[in-house]
Every structure is written in C-alpha cells, then in structure tokens.
PDB file of all heavy atoms in Angstrom:
ATOM      1  N   ASP A   1     -10.528   7.388   5.840  1.00  0.00           N
ATOM      2  CA  ASP A   1      -9.823   6.894   4.664  1.00  0.00           C
ATOM      3  C   ASP A   1      -8.337   6.782   4.972  1.00  0.00           C
ATOM      4  O   ASP A   1      -7.852   7.272   5.995  1.00  0.00           O
ATOM      5  CB  ASP A   1     -10.044   7.827   3.468  1.00  0.00           C
ATOM      6  CG  ASP A   1      -9.789   7.129   2.135  1.00  0.00           C
ATOM      7  OD1 ASP A   1      -9.457   5.931   2.126  1.00  0.00           O
ATOM      8  OD2 ASP A   1      -9.907   7.789   1.106  1.00  0.00           O
ATOM      9  N   SER A   2      -7.629   6.179   4.055  1.00  0.00           N
ATOM     10  CA  SER A   2      -6.181   6.064   4.144  1.00  0.00           C
ATOM     11  C   SER A   2      -5.549   7.414   3.854  1.00  0.00           C
ATOM     12  O   SER A   2      -6.021   8.146   2.988  1.00  0.00           O
ATOM     13  CB  SER A   2      -5.661   5.075   3.102  1.00  0.00           C
ATOM     14  OG  SER A   2      -6.374   3.875   3.145  1.00  0.00           O
ATOM     15  N   THR A   3      -4.480   7.727   4.546  1.00  0.00           N
ATOM     16  CA  THR A   3      -3.708   8.910   4.192  1.00  0.00           C
ATOM     17  C   THR A   3      -2.888   8.581   2.951  1.00  0.00           C
ATOM     18  O   THR A   3      -2.601   7.394   2.682  1.00  0.00           O
ATOM     19  CB  THR A   3      -2.744   9.323   5.318  1.00  0.00           C
ATOM     20  OG1 THR A   3      -1.814   8.261   5.552  1.00  0.00           O
ATOM     21  CG2 THR A   3      -3.485   9.682   6.595  1.00  0.00           C
ATOM     22  N   PRO A   4      -2.474   9.567   2.190  1.00  0.00           N
ATOM     23  CA  PRO A   4      -1.583   9.291   1.062  1.00  0.00           C
ATOM     24  C   PRO A   4      -0.308   8.559   1.500  1.00  0.00           C
ATOM     25  O   PRO A   4       0.231   7.734   0.764  1.00  0.00           O
ATOM     26  CB  PRO A   4      -1.271  10.682   0.511  1.00  0.00           C
ATOM     27  CG  PRO A   4      -2.470  11.496   0.862  1.00  0.00           C
ATOM     28  CD  PRO A   4      -2.897  10.974   2.217  1.00  0.00           C
ATOM     29  N   GLU A   5       0.139   8.822   2.717  1.00  0.00           N
ATOM     30  CA  GLU A   5       1.370   8.208   3.238  1.00  0.00           C
ATOM     31  C   GLU A   5       1.224   6.710   3.480  1.00  0.00           C
ATOM     32  O   GLU A   5       2.225   5.997   3.560  1.00  0.00           O
ATOM     33  CB  GLU A   5       1.801   8.911   4.535  1.00  0.00           C
ATOM     34  CG  GLU A   5       2.255  10.330   4.340  1.00  0.00           C
ATOM     35  CD  GLU A   5       1.111  11.341   4.176  1.00  0.00           C
ATOM     36  OE1 GLU A   5      -0.052  11.009   4.487  1.00  0.00           O
ATOM     37  OE2 GLU A   5       1.384  12.463   3.731  1.00  0.00           O
ATOM     38  N   LEU A   6      -0.004   6.216   3.596  1.00  0.00           N
ATOM     39  CA  LEU A   6      -0.188   4.781   3.811  1.00  0.00           C
ATOM     40  C   LEU A   6       0.464   3.985   2.689  1.00  0.00           C
ATOM     41  O   LEU A   6       0.986   2.895   2.912  1.00  0.00           O
ATOM     42  CB  LEU A   6      -1.673   4.413   3.909  1.00  0.00           C
ATOM     43  CG  LEU A   6      -1.921   2.940   4.227  1.00  0.00           C
ATOM     44  CD1 LEU A   6      -2.985   2.780   5.278  1.00  0.00           C
ATOM     45  CD2 LEU A   6      -2.275   2.140   2.999  1.00  0.00           C
ATOM     46  N   TYR A   7       0.458   4.542   1.485  1.00  0.00           N
ATOM     47  CA  TYR A   7       0.913   3.797   0.309  1.00  0.00           C
ATOM     48  C   TYR A   7       2.397   3.945   0.010  1.00  0.00           C
ATOM     49  O   TYR A   7       2.888   3.381  -0.968  1.00  0.00           O
ATOM     50  CB  TYR A   7       0.075   4.213  -0.905  1.00  0.00           C
ATOM     51  CG  TYR A   7      -1.378   3.969  -0.641  1.00  0.00           C
ATOM     52  CD1 TYR A   7      -2.242   5.002  -0.327  1.00  0.00           C
ATOM     53  CD2 TYR A   7      -1.880   2.669  -0.632  1.00  0.00           C
ATOM     54  CE1 TYR A   7      -3.571   4.759  -0.037  1.00  0.00           C
ATOM     55  CE2 TYR A   7      -3.207   2.425  -0.336  1.00  0.00           C
ATOM     56  CZ  TYR A   7      -4.045   3.472  -0.040  1.00  0.00           C
ATOM     57  OH  TYR A   7      -5.358   3.220   0.261  1.00  0.00           O
ATOM     58  N   THR A   8       3.119   4.672   0.867  1.00  0.00           N
ATOM     59  CA  THR A   8       4.552   4.876   0.616  1.00  0.00           C
ATOM     60  C   THR A   8       5.406   4.558   1.834  1.00  0.00           C
ATOM     61  O   THR A   8       6.584   4.903   1.865  1.00  0.00           O
ATOM     62  CB  THR A   8       4.819   6.329   0.162  1.00  0.00           C
ATOM     63  OG1 THR A   8       4.318   7.233   1.139  1.00  0.00           O
ATOM     64  CG2 THR A   8       4.164   6.605  -1.179  1.00  0.00           C
ATOM     65  N   ASN A   9       4.833   3.904   2.827  1.00  0.00           N
ATOM     66  CA  ASN A   9       5.564   3.546   4.038  1.00  0.00           C
ATOM     67  C   ASN A   9       5.250   2.104   4.416  1.00  0.00           C
ATOM     68  O   ASN A   9       4.310   1.516   3.905  1.00  0.00           O
ATOM     69  CB  ASN A   9       5.179   4.493   5.185  1.00  0.00           C
ATOM     70  CG  ASN A   9       5.707   5.883   4.962  1.00  0.00           C
ATOM     71  OD1 ASN A   9       6.868   6.157   5.201  1.00  0.00           O
ATOM     72  ND2 ASN A   9       4.858   6.780   4.478  1.00  0.00           N
ATOM     73  N   GLU A  10       6.028   1.589   5.337  1.00  0.00           N
ATOM     74  CA  GLU A  10       5.796   0.249   5.877  1.00  0.00           C
ATOM     75  C   GLU A  10       5.069   0.388   7.207  1.00  0.00           C
ATOM     76  O   GLU A  10       5.292   1.348   7.951  1.00  0.00           O
ATOM     77  CB  GLU A  10       7.113  -0.501   6.061  1.00  0.00           C
ATOM     78  CG  GLU A  10       7.809  -0.843   4.752  1.00  0.00           C
ATOM     79  CD  GLU A  10       6.954  -1.748   3.873  1.00  0.00           C
ATOM     80  OE1 GLU A  10       6.688  -2.890   4.278  1.00  0.00           O
ATOM     81  OE2 GLU A  10       6.558  -1.305   2.777  1.00  0.00           O
ATOM     82  N   TRP A  11       4.204  -0.598   7.502  1.00  0.00           N
ATOM     83  CA  TRP A  11       3.337  -0.534   8.668  1.00  0.00           C
ATOM     84  C   TRP A  11       3.311  -1.876   9.383  1.00  0.00           C
ATOM     85  O   TRP A  11       3.717  -2.889   8.829  1.00  0.00           O
ATOM     86  CB  TRP A  11       1.914  -0.174   8.224  1.00  0.00           C
ATOM     87  CG  TRP A  11       1.893   1.048   7.367  1.00  0.00           C
ATOM     88  CD1 TRP A  11       1.895   1.075   5.998  1.00  0.00           C
ATOM     89  CD2 TRP A  11       1.926   2.400   7.786  1.00  0.00           C
ATOM     90  NE1 TRP A  11       1.912   2.365   5.557  1.00  0.00           N
ATOM     91  CE2 TRP A  11       1.935   3.206   6.633  1.00  0.00           C
ATOM     92  CE3 TRP A  11       1.940   3.018   9.030  1.00  0.00           C
ATOM     93  CZ2 TRP A  11       1.954   4.598   6.695  1.00  0.00           C
ATOM     94  CZ3 TRP A  11       1.950   4.394   9.089  1.00  0.00           C
ATOM     95  CH2 TRP A  11       1.957   5.169   7.933  1.00  0.00           C
ATOM     96  N   ALA A  12       2.775  -1.890  10.579  1.00  0.00           N
ATOM     97  CA  ALA A  12       2.653  -3.139  11.330  1.00  0.00           C
ATOM     98  C   ALA A  12       1.751  -4.130  10.595  1.00  0.00           C
ATOM     99  O   ALA A  12       1.984  -5.338  10.643  1.00  0.00           O
ATOM    100  CB  ALA A  12       2.112  -2.862  12.732  1.00  0.00           C
ATOM    101  N   SER A  13       0.736  -3.633   9.902  1.00  0.00           N
ATOM    102  CA  SER A  13      -0.205  -4.548   9.256  1.00  0.00           C
ATOM    103  C   SER A  13      -0.293  -4.393   7.736  1.00  0.00           C
ATOM    104  O   SER A  13      -1.099  -5.073   7.109  1.00  0.00           O
ATOM    105  CB  SER A  13      -1.599  -4.386   9.872  1.00  0.00           C
ATOM    106  OG  SER A  13      -2.048  -3.067   9.725  1.00  0.00           O
ATOM    107  N   PHE A  14       0.522  -3.523   7.145  1.00  0.00           N
ATOM    108  CA  PHE A  14       0.536  -3.331   5.690  1.00  0.00           C
ATOM    109  C   PHE A  14       1.961  -3.222   5.193  1.00  0.00           C
ATOM    110  O   PHE A  14       2.825  -2.681   5.880  1.00  0.00           O
ATOM    111  CB  PHE A  14      -0.173  -2.021   5.281  1.00  0.00           C
ATOM    112  CG  PHE A  14      -1.632  -1.988   5.548  1.00  0.00           C
ATOM    113  CD1 PHE A  14      -2.122  -1.354   6.674  1.00  0.00           C
ATOM    114  CD2 PHE A  14      -2.527  -2.566   4.668  1.00  0.00           C
ATOM    115  CE1 PHE A  14      -3.477  -1.296   6.926  1.00  0.00           C
ATOM    116  CE2 PHE A  14      -3.884  -2.518   4.909  1.00  0.00           C
ATOM    117  CZ  PHE A  14      -4.359  -1.887   6.047  1.00  0.00           C
ATOM    118  N   SER A  15       2.186  -3.687   3.975  1.00  0.00           N
ATOM    119  CA  SER A  15       3.476  -3.487   3.306  1.00  0.00           C
ATOM    120  C   SER A  15       3.223  -2.868   1.932  1.00  0.00           C
ATOM    121  O   SER A  15       2.312  -3.290   1.206  1.00  0.00           O
ATOM    122  CB  SER A  15       4.219  -4.806   3.132  1.00  0.00           C
ATOM    123  OG  SER A  15       5.426  -4.581   2.419  1.00  0.00           O
ATOM    124  N   THR A  16       4.033  -1.887   1.594  1.00  0.00           N
ATOM    125  CA  THR A  16       3.918  -1.228   0.283  1.00  0.00           C
ATOM    126  C   THR A  16       5.221  -1.295  -0.506  1.00  0.00           C
ATOM    127  O   THR A  16       5.288  -0.814  -1.627  1.00  0.00           O
ATOM    128  CB  THR A  16       3.529   0.252   0.454  1.00  0.00           C
ATOM    129  OG1 THR A  16       4.561   0.932   1.166  1.00  0.00           O
ATOM    130  CG2 THR A  16       2.208   0.394   1.183  1.00  0.00           C
ATOM    131  N   LYS A  17       6.258  -1.913   0.064  1.00  0.00           N
ATOM    132  CA  LYS A  17       7.590  -1.882  -0.557  1.00  0.00           C
ATOM    133  C   LYS A  17       7.639  -2.498  -1.956  1.00  0.00           C
ATOM    134  O   LYS A  17       8.503  -2.141  -2.746  1.00  0.00           O
ATOM    135  CB  LYS A  17       8.617  -2.543   0.361  1.00  0.00           C
ATOM    136  CG  LYS A  17       8.404  -4.025   0.567  1.00  0.00           C
ATOM    137  CD  LYS A  17       9.403  -4.598   1.538  1.00  0.00           C
ATOM    138  CE  LYS A  17       9.062  -6.051   1.786  1.00  0.00           C
ATOM    139  NZ  LYS A  17       9.826  -6.617   2.865  1.00  0.00           N
ATOM    140  N   ASP A  18       6.712  -3.402  -2.266  1.00  0.00           N
ATOM    141  CA  ASP A  18       6.717  -4.054  -3.583  1.00  0.00           C
ATOM    142  C   ASP A  18       5.986  -3.253  -4.653  1.00  0.00           C
ATOM    143  O   ASP A  18       5.842  -3.728  -5.783  1.00  0.00           O
ATOM    144  CB  ASP A  18       6.067  -5.441  -3.480  1.00  0.00           C
ATOM    145  CG  ASP A  18       6.882  -6.399  -2.629  1.00  0.00           C
ATOM    146  OD1 ASP A  18       8.112  -6.228  -2.551  1.00  0.00           O
ATOM    147  OD2 ASP A  18       6.278  -7.313  -2.039  1.00  0.00           O
ATOM    148  N   PHE A  19       5.564  -2.035  -4.321  1.00  0.00           N
ATOM    149  CA  PHE A  19       4.749  -1.244  -5.252  1.00  0.00           C
ATOM    150  C   PHE A  19       5.314   0.164  -5.422  1.00  0.00           C
ATOM    151  O   PHE A  19       4.738   1.151  -4.949  1.00  0.00           O
ATOM    152  CB  PHE A  19       3.296  -1.204  -4.766  1.00  0.00           C
ATOM    153  CG  PHE A  19       2.754  -2.574  -4.464  1.00  0.00           C
ATOM    154  CD1 PHE A  19       2.612  -3.018  -3.165  1.00  0.00           C
ATOM    155  CD2 PHE A  19       2.438  -3.437  -5.513  1.00  0.00           C
ATOM    156  CE1 PHE A  19       2.142  -4.290  -2.887  1.00  0.00           C
ATOM    157  CE2 PHE A  19       1.974  -4.718  -5.251  1.00  0.00           C
ATOM    158  CZ  PHE A  19       1.826  -5.150  -3.938  1.00  0.00           C
ATOM    159  N   PRO A  20       6.426   0.293  -6.136  1.00  0.00           N
ATOM    160  CA  PRO A  20       7.057   1.615  -6.305  1.00  0.00           C
ATOM    161  C   PRO A  20       6.184   2.617  -7.066  1.00  0.00           C
ATOM    162  O   PRO A  20       6.370   3.827  -6.914  1.00  0.00           O
ATOM    163  CB  PRO A  20       8.351   1.307  -7.071  1.00  0.00           C
ATOM    164  CG  PRO A  20       8.128  -0.023  -7.704  1.00  0.00           C
ATOM    165  CD  PRO A  20       7.174  -0.767  -6.816  1.00  0.00           C
ATOM    166  N   ASP A  21       5.229   2.147  -7.856  1.00  0.00           N
ATOM    167  CA  ASP A  21       4.338   3.075  -8.568  1.00  0.00           C
ATOM    168  C   ASP A  21       3.481   3.892  -7.600  1.00  0.00           C
ATOM    169  O   ASP A  21       3.009   4.978  -7.955  1.00  0.00           O
ATOM    170  CB  ASP A  21       3.432   2.322  -9.544  1.00  0.00           C
ATOM    171  CG  ASP A  21       4.186   1.788 -10.744  1.00  0.00           C
ATOM    172  OD1 ASP A  21       5.334   2.240 -10.983  1.00  0.00           O
ATOM    173  OD2 ASP A  21       3.641   0.925 -11.449  1.00  0.00           O
ATOM    174  N   ASN A  22       3.292   3.397  -6.379  1.00  0.00           N
ATOM    175  CA  ASN A  22       2.521   4.140  -5.383  1.00  0.00           C
ATOM    176  C   ASN A  22       3.116   5.529  -5.136  1.00  0.00           C
ATOM    177  O   ASN A  22       2.395   6.469  -4.813  1.00  0.00           O
ATOM    178  CB  ASN A  22       2.486   3.392  -4.046  1.00  0.00           C
ATOM    179  CG  ASN A  22       1.609   2.164  -4.060  1.00  0.00           C
ATOM    180  OD1 ASN A  22       0.992   1.819  -5.062  1.00  0.00           O
ATOM    181  ND2 ASN A  22       1.563   1.470  -2.935  1.00  0.00           N
ATOM    182  N   TRP A  23       4.432   5.647  -5.257  1.00  0.00           N
ATOM    183  CA  TRP A  23       5.117   6.907  -4.947  1.00  0.00           C
ATOM    184  C   TRP A  23       4.706   8.036  -5.887  1.00  0.00           C
ATOM    185  O   TRP A  23       4.893   9.209  -5.568  1.00  0.00           O
ATOM    186  CB  TRP A  23       6.630   6.713  -4.994  1.00  0.00           C
ATOM    187  CG  TRP A  23       7.136   6.033  -3.764  1.00  0.00           C
ATOM    188  CD1 TRP A  23       7.159   4.692  -3.518  1.00  0.00           C
ATOM    189  CD2 TRP A  23       7.642   6.658  -2.602  1.00  0.00           C
ATOM    190  NE1 TRP A  23       7.666   4.454  -2.266  1.00  0.00           N
ATOM    191  CE2 TRP A  23       7.979   5.650  -1.687  1.00  0.00           C
ATOM    192  CE3 TRP A  23       7.858   7.987  -2.244  1.00  0.00           C
ATOM    193  CZ2 TRP A  23       8.514   5.920  -0.438  1.00  0.00           C
ATOM    194  CZ3 TRP A  23       8.402   8.258  -0.991  1.00  0.00           C
ATOM    195  CH2 TRP A  23       8.717   7.233  -0.105  1.00  0.00           C
ATOM    196  N   HIS A  24       4.192   7.706  -7.052  1.00  0.00           N
ATOM    197  CA  HIS A  24       3.854   8.722  -8.058  1.00  0.00           C
ATOM    198  C   HIS A  24       2.346   8.834  -8.272  1.00  0.00           C
ATOM    199  O   HIS A  24       1.900   9.447  -9.243  1.00  0.00           O
ATOM    200  CB  HIS A  24       4.544   8.385  -9.385  1.00  0.00           C
ATOM    201  CG  HIS A  24       6.006   8.136  -9.224  1.00  0.00           C
ATOM    202  ND1 HIS A  24       6.904   9.138  -8.949  1.00  0.00           N
ATOM    203  CD2 HIS A  24       6.720   6.989  -9.259  1.00  0.00           C
ATOM    204  CE1 HIS A  24       8.112   8.620  -8.827  1.00  0.00           C
ATOM    205  NE2 HIS A  24       8.034   7.319  -9.009  1.00  0.00           N
ATOM    206  N   ALA A  25       1.569   8.275  -7.363  1.00  0.00           N
ATOM    207  CA  ALA A  25       0.115   8.233  -7.534  1.00  0.00           C
ATOM    208  C   ALA A  25      -0.504   9.626  -7.458  1.00  0.00           C
ATOM    209  O   ALA A  25      -0.064  10.488  -6.693  1.00  0.00           O
ATOM    210  CB  ALA A  25      -0.508   7.327  -6.479  1.00  0.00           C
ATOM    211  N   LYS A  26      -1.535   9.794  -8.279  1.00  0.00           N
ATOM    212  CA  LYS A  26      -2.365  10.995  -8.277  1.00  0.00           C
ATOM    213  C   LYS A  26      -3.806  10.549  -8.019  1.00  0.00           C
ATOM    214  O   LYS A  26      -4.132   9.375  -8.168  1.00  0.00           O
ATOM    215  CB  LYS A  26      -2.267  11.708  -9.625  1.00  0.00           C
ATOM    216  CG  LYS A  26      -0.860  12.160 -10.001  1.00  0.00           C
ATOM    217  CD  LYS A  26      -0.801  12.834 -11.363  1.00  0.00           C
ATOM    218  CE  LYS A  26      -1.163  12.007 -12.543  1.00  0.00           C
ATOM    219  NZ  LYS A  26      -0.486  10.800 -12.847  1.00  0.00           N
ATOM    220  N   THR A  27      -4.642  11.485  -7.650  1.00  0.00           N
ATOM    221  CA  THR A  27      -6.044  11.157  -7.398  1.00  0.00           C
ATOM    222  C   THR A  27      -6.628  10.374  -8.568  1.00  0.00           C
ATOM    223  O   THR A  27      -6.471  10.764  -9.722  1.00  0.00           O
ATOM    224  CB  THR A  27      -6.858  12.441  -7.153  1.00  0.00           C
ATOM    225  OG1 THR A  27      -6.385  13.034  -5.934  1.00  0.00           O
ATOM    226  CG2 THR A  27      -8.338  12.149  -7.033  1.00  0.00           C
ATOM    227  N   GLY A  28      -7.257   9.254  -8.239  1.00  0.00           N
ATOM    228  CA  GLY A  28      -7.865   8.385  -9.237  1.00  0.00           C
ATOM    229  C   GLY A  28      -6.998   7.211  -9.641  1.00  0.00           C
ATOM    230  O   GLY A  28      -7.495   6.251 -10.235  1.00  0.00           O
ATOM    231  N   ASP A  29      -5.698   7.255  -9.326  1.00  0.00           N
ATOM    232  CA  ASP A  29      -4.798   6.145  -9.659  1.00  0.00           C
ATOM    233  C   ASP A  29      -5.030   4.963  -8.725  1.00  0.00           C
ATOM    234  O   ASP A  29      -5.432   5.132  -7.574  1.00  0.00           O
ATOM    235  CB  ASP A  29      -3.325   6.571  -9.541  1.00  0.00           C
ATOM    236  CG  ASP A  29      -2.887   7.530 -10.630  1.00  0.00           C
ATOM    237  OD1 ASP A  29      -3.628   7.719 -11.615  1.00  0.00           O
ATOM    238  OD2 ASP A  29      -1.783   8.104 -10.484  1.00  0.00           O
ATOM    239  N   ILE A  30      -4.736   3.782  -9.223  1.00  0.00           N
ATOM    240  CA  ILE A  30      -4.790   2.573  -8.396  1.00  0.00           C
ATOM    241  C   ILE A  30      -3.467   2.458  -7.630  1.00  0.00           C
ATOM    242  O   ILE A  30      -2.393   2.587  -8.212  1.00  0.00           O
ATOM    243  CB  ILE A  30      -4.999   1.310  -9.267  1.00  0.00           C
ATOM    244  CG1 ILE A  30      -6.321   1.397 -10.037  1.00  0.00           C
ATOM    245  CG2 ILE A  30      -4.923   0.035  -8.422  1.00  0.00           C
ATOM    246  CD1 ILE A  30      -7.554   1.380  -9.172  1.00  0.00           C
ATOM    247  N   VAL A  31      -3.575   2.238  -6.326  1.00  0.00           N
ATOM    248  CA  VAL A  31      -2.411   1.984  -5.478  1.00  0.00           C
ATOM    249  C   VAL A  31      -2.599   0.611  -4.845  1.00  0.00           C
ATOM    250  O   VAL A  31      -3.714   0.090  -4.785  1.00  0.00           O
ATOM    251  CB  VAL A  31      -2.240   3.075  -4.400  1.00  0.00           C
ATOM    252  CG1 VAL A  31      -1.688   4.354  -5.000  1.00  0.00           C
ATOM    253  CG2 VAL A  31      -3.541   3.355  -3.666  1.00  0.00           C
ATOM    254  N   ARG A  32      -1.501   0.024  -4.390  1.00  0.00           N
ATOM    255  CA  ARG A  32      -1.557  -1.340  -3.869  1.00  0.00           C
ATOM    256  C   ARG A  32      -0.794  -1.454  -2.548  1.00  0.00           C
ATOM    257  O   ARG A  32       0.153  -0.717  -2.307  1.00  0.00           O
ATOM    258  CB  ARG A  32      -0.958  -2.308  -4.888  1.00  0.00           C
ATOM    259  CG  ARG A  32      -1.774  -2.414  -6.153  1.00  0.00           C
ATOM    260  CD  ARG A  32      -1.040  -3.182  -7.253  1.00  0.00           C
ATOM    261  NE  ARG A  32      -1.877  -3.292  -8.434  1.00  0.00           N
ATOM    262  CZ  ARG A  32      -2.028  -2.326  -9.342  1.00  0.00           C
ATOM    263  NH1 ARG A  32      -1.397  -1.197  -9.216  1.00  0.00           N
ATOM    264  NH2 ARG A  32      -2.817  -2.504 -10.402  1.00  0.00           N
ATOM    265  N   ASP A  33      -1.213  -2.408  -1.762  1.00  0.00           N
ATOM    266  CA  ASP A  33      -0.473  -2.796  -0.571  1.00  0.00           C
ATOM    267  C   ASP A  33      -0.794  -4.254  -0.274  1.00  0.00           C
ATOM    268  O   ASP A  33      -1.645  -4.853  -0.921  1.00  0.00           O
ATOM    269  CB  ASP A  33      -0.770  -1.882   0.622  1.00  0.00           C
ATOM    270  CG  ASP A  33      -2.234  -1.853   1.020  1.00  0.00           C
ATOM    271  OD1 ASP A  33      -2.862  -2.927   1.074  1.00  0.00           O
ATOM    272  OD2 ASP A  33      -2.746  -0.762   1.289  1.00  0.00           O
ATOM    273  N   ILE A  34      -0.083  -4.788   0.673  1.00  0.00           N
ATOM    274  CA  ILE A  34      -0.305  -6.169   1.106  1.00  0.00           C
ATOM    275  C   ILE A  34      -0.619  -6.135   2.593  1.00  0.00           C
ATOM    276  O   ILE A  34       0.116  -5.523   3.378  1.00  0.00           O
ATOM    277  CB  ILE A  34       0.926  -7.059   0.834  1.00  0.00           C
ATOM    278  CG1 ILE A  34       1.149  -7.175  -0.678  1.00  0.00           C
ATOM    279  CG2 ILE A  34       0.759  -8.429   1.479  1.00  0.00           C
ATOM    280  CD1 ILE A  34       2.419  -7.906  -1.065  1.00  0.00           C
ATOM    281  N   MET A  35      -1.713  -6.777   2.970  1.00  0.00           N
ATOM    282  CA  MET A  35      -2.073  -6.875   4.383  1.00  0.00           C
ATOM    283  C   MET A  35      -1.231  -7.980   5.017  1.00  0.00           C
ATOM    284  O   MET A  35      -1.189  -9.101   4.521  1.00  0.00           O
ATOM    285  CB  MET A  35      -3.565  -7.176   4.533  1.00  0.00           C
ATOM    286  CG  MET A  35      -4.450  -6.043   4.057  1.00  0.00           C
ATOM    287  SD  MET A  35      -6.215  -6.433   4.145  1.00  0.00           S
ATOM    288  CE  MET A  35      -6.429  -6.701   5.892  1.00  0.00           C
ATOM    289  N   LEU A  36      -0.559  -7.645   6.112  1.00  0.00           N
ATOM    290  CA  LEU A  36       0.340  -8.589   6.770  1.00  0.00           C
ATOM    291  C   LEU A  36      -0.316  -9.373   7.904  1.00  0.00           C
ATOM    292  O   LEU A  36       0.269 -10.338   8.387  1.00  0.00           O
ATOM    293  CB  LEU A  36       1.553  -7.828   7.321  1.00  0.00           C
ATOM    294  CG  LEU A  36       2.355  -7.031   6.292  1.00  0.00           C
ATOM    295  CD1 LEU A  36       3.436  -6.217   6.988  1.00  0.00           C
ATOM    296  CD2 LEU A  36       2.945  -7.966   5.243  1.00  0.00           C
ATOM    297  N   ASP A  37      -1.493  -8.948   8.311  1.00  0.00           N
ATOM    298  CA  ASP A  37      -2.122  -9.582   9.467  1.00  0.00           C
ATOM    299  C   ASP A  37      -3.270 -10.518   9.091  1.00  0.00           C
ATOM    300  O   ASP A  37      -4.108 -10.847   9.920  1.00  0.00           O
ATOM    301  CB  ASP A  37      -2.592  -8.528  10.470  1.00  0.00           C
ATOM    302  CG  ASP A  37      -3.542  -7.506   9.861  1.00  0.00           C
ATOM    303  OD1 ASP A  37      -3.734  -7.527   8.627  1.00  0.00           O
ATOM    304  OD2 ASP A  37      -4.078  -6.680  10.609  1.00  0.00           O
ATOM    305  N   VAL A  38      -3.283 -10.950   7.817  1.00  0.00           N
ATOM    306  CA  VAL A  38      -4.257 -11.938   7.361  1.00  0.00           C
ATOM    307  C   VAL A  38      -3.515 -13.014   6.571  1.00  0.00           C
ATOM    308  O   VAL A  38      -2.400 -12.797   6.098  1.00  0.00           O
ATOM    309  CB  VAL A  38      -5.369 -11.303   6.479  1.00  0.00           C
ATOM    310  CG1 VAL A  38      -6.197 -10.312   7.279  1.00  0.00           C
ATOM    311  CG2 VAL A  38      -4.800 -10.658   5.248  1.00  0.00           C
ATOM    312  N   GLU A  39      -4.139 -14.153   6.442  1.00  0.00           N
ATOM    313  CA  GLU A  39      -3.504 -15.263   5.730  1.00  0.00           C
ATOM    314  C   GLU A  39      -3.338 -14.977   4.236  1.00  0.00           C
ATOM    315  O   GLU A  39      -2.326 -15.337   3.631  1.00  0.00           O
ATOM    316  CB  GLU A  39      -4.346 -16.522   5.945  1.00  0.00           C
ATOM    317  CG  GLU A  39      -3.658 -17.789   5.516  1.00  0.00           C
ATOM    318  CD  GLU A  39      -4.479 -19.024   5.871  1.00  0.00           C
ATOM    319  OE1 GLU A  39      -5.013 -19.088   6.997  1.00  0.00           O
ATOM    320  OE2 GLU A  39      -4.565 -19.917   5.006  1.00  0.00           O
ATOM    321  N   ASP A  40      -4.315 -14.352   3.629  1.00  0.00           N
ATOM    322  CA  ASP A  40      -4.299 -14.065   2.193  1.00  0.00           C
ATOM    323  C   ASP A  40      -3.401 -12.857   1.924  1.00  0.00           C
ATOM    324  O   ASP A  40      -3.727 -11.728   2.285  1.00  0.00           O
ATOM    325  CB  ASP A  40      -5.724 -13.783   1.712  1.00  0.00           C
ATOM    326  CG  ASP A  40      -5.820 -13.580   0.206  1.00  0.00           C
ATOM    327  OD1 ASP A  40      -4.773 -13.525  -0.473  1.00  0.00           O
ATOM    328  OD2 ASP A  40      -6.956 -13.483  -0.288  1.00  0.00           O
ATOM    329  N   ARG A  41      -2.261 -13.088   1.308  1.00  0.00           N
ATOM    330  CA  ARG A  41      -1.274 -12.027   1.079  1.00  0.00           C
ATOM    331  C   ARG A  41      -1.309 -11.477  -0.347  1.00  0.00           C
ATOM    332  O   ARG A  41      -0.354 -10.865  -0.814  1.00  0.00           O
ATOM    333  CB  ARG A  41       0.139 -12.544   1.390  1.00  0.00           C
ATOM    334  CG  ARG A  41       0.347 -12.933   2.840  1.00  0.00           C
ATOM    335  CD  ARG A  41       0.367 -11.697   3.734  1.00  0.00           C
ATOM    336  NE  ARG A  41       0.404 -12.015   5.148  1.00  0.00           N
ATOM    337  CZ  ARG A  41       1.484 -12.070   5.888  1.00  0.00           C
ATOM    338  NH1 ARG A  41       2.658 -11.833   5.355  1.00  0.00           N
ATOM    339  NH2 ARG A  41       1.414 -12.369   7.162  1.00  0.00           N
ATOM    340  N   ARG A  42      -2.420 -11.692  -1.047  1.00  0.00           N
ATOM    341  CA  ARG A  42      -2.532 -11.091  -2.375  1.00  0.00           C
ATOM    342  C   ARG A  42      -2.640  -9.575  -2.239  1.00  0.00           C
ATOM    343  O   ARG A  42      -3.222  -9.079  -1.274  1.00  0.00           O
ATOM    344  CB  ARG A  42      -3.758 -11.627  -3.110  1.00  0.00           C
ATOM    345  CG  ARG A  42      -3.604 -13.087  -3.539  1.00  0.00           C
ATOM    346  CD  ARG A  42      -4.852 -13.575  -4.207  1.00  0.00           C
ATOM    347  NE  ARG A  42      -5.924 -13.638  -3.206  1.00  0.00           N
ATOM    348  CZ  ARG A  42      -7.176 -13.947  -3.469  1.00  0.00           C
ATOM    349  NH1 ARG A  42      -7.557 -14.211  -4.696  1.00  0.00           N
ATOM    350  NH2 ARG A  42      -8.070 -14.000  -2.503  1.00  0.00           N
ATOM    351  N   PRO A  43      -2.087  -8.831  -3.195  1.00  0.00           N
ATOM    352  CA  PRO A  43      -2.154  -7.367  -3.124  1.00  0.00           C
ATOM    353  C   PRO A  43      -3.594  -6.862  -3.100  1.00  0.00           C
ATOM    354  O   PRO A  43      -4.478  -7.407  -3.758  1.00  0.00           O
ATOM    355  CB  PRO A  43      -1.455  -6.907  -4.407  1.00  0.00           C
ATOM    356  CG  PRO A  43      -0.565  -8.052  -4.777  1.00  0.00           C
ATOM    357  CD  PRO A  43      -1.297  -9.294  -4.342  1.00  0.00           C
TER     358      PRO A  43
END
C-alpha cells in the first residue's frame, strides 16, 4: 500500500501539491494525487 507520506510529498510519478487537504487526512478519508507518468492527468 501507499505510505501516509505518499500523499504529502512530490514524487517522480505522482504530484500531491494541489491537494492540501491530504495533510490532515485520517484513516478513512479520501486523499488525492495526480499521476505524472500517464497521459490522463485527472486526480
């Protein structure tokens, strides 16, 4: 699974900078990121 840190850092293939709510997530909350290595950039 993803580490909690996946949703609060920038990565080679993911971006989370547009989702500040991720920083306050608790178990069960929806978190978002954008995949950078695919054509479809929807969250």
